[in-house]
Amino acid sequence: MTSNLKKKVFMVDDSTVNLTLVKNGLKDYYDVTTLPSGTELFAKLKEEIPHIILLDIVMPIVDGYQVLGVLKSMEEYANIPVIFLSSRNSEADEIRGFEMGVVDFIPKPFSLSELYNRVRLHINENEIIEEQTRALEAAHRSLMFVLTDIVENINPGTGEHVTRTAKYVQMLIEAMLQQNVYTSQIKSWNLEDVALCAALHDIGQISISDIATNKHGRLTNEEFEITKGHTTAGAAIINRVMSLTGEDKFLHNAKLFAEYHHESWDGSGYPHGLKGDAIPLHGRIMAIVDSYDSLVSEQPHTISITHEDAVDIIMEDAGTKFDPQIVAAFYSIHNKFKEEANTHEGE
């Protein structure tokens, strides 16, 4: 192995002979820890996490299937690759192992070269997946920066509205988690990805007349109707990007923010007039964030008001314009919103 930092391999077997054989066969390539039982394995896992576990099936007290079941049931261990090494090599044993989540099944007796090649394959496979994930995340960020910059440039009068609102979304979701508000829905979200996508909630303004978006002073009814189209236009733009890039899962967050951030809890919003829980959660979150930033920031169409007045307006609109549970989470951290707003004001 070329790296000075060897990957960690745990070998679990009640046979001292097998433990010694595997350790001697792999020690030049990997940092091998031998463990005589499942109990010893779980004690060791509290100290360090290996890159792969080699696990015997036939062991006294707790067999390999039981150990594997516990591993897969625990979030902190579930993603560790496990290879079964066993003299029980029937088709039924292999099927059961794969159904429970092993990545490979090596029957005993085995050659050390076979063992090494299998271990190397699965450790490298994990590294390749991690590398591809990092590359995908970098691509996401690059795409978001480009699109966000476009939005900022077409509507410079809003300052850094999209940047601020993305930060506010992250803060509000964190508060919702702390307050146990819609936790079952948002606990599975990648908060960083969702916050990045929030920056595209106004992407539809690209296709809206700059007379309406950059006009100073109140809009006419006709101009307001034009600006309302930025919601469905934004969804259409993101759909187009998704069709070209294949980034369905990631950009789906952006589409929800763009299309639904002007819906109202009581059904009086636009573009679809959705009501209550029928409004996607992304839209209900952005509705509060977008309104707050629009109230406290200088906009082409409006004059800014104080943080305190903005909070009062949002609280008054709980249950009509805004989801009351999310408003409660917002109020619990509204002073943090003020601090963040003041930070951007001083830039």
Foldseek 3Di string as FASTA:
>chain_A
DPDPAFFEEEEEALDPVVQVVQCVLCVVRHRYDYHDHLVRVVVVVVVDAGQAYEAEADDPPAGRVNSLLVQCVDPVRNPRAYEYEYCPDDPVVVVSVVVSPHPYYHYPPDDSVVVVVVVVVSSVVVVVVVVVVVVVVVVLLVVLVVLLVVVCVLQVQLPNLLLLLLVVLLVLVVLCCVVVNVCVPPVPDPSVLLSSLSSLLQSLCVVADSCLQQAAEADDPVSVVRSLVSLVSSLVVLVVVCVVPVPCPSNVSNNLSNNQLQAFQCQPGDDVSDHHPVRPPSNLSNVLSSQQSPQQTRGRHDDHDDLVVSLVVLCVCDPTGHPNSSNVSCVVCSVVSVVSVVVSVVD
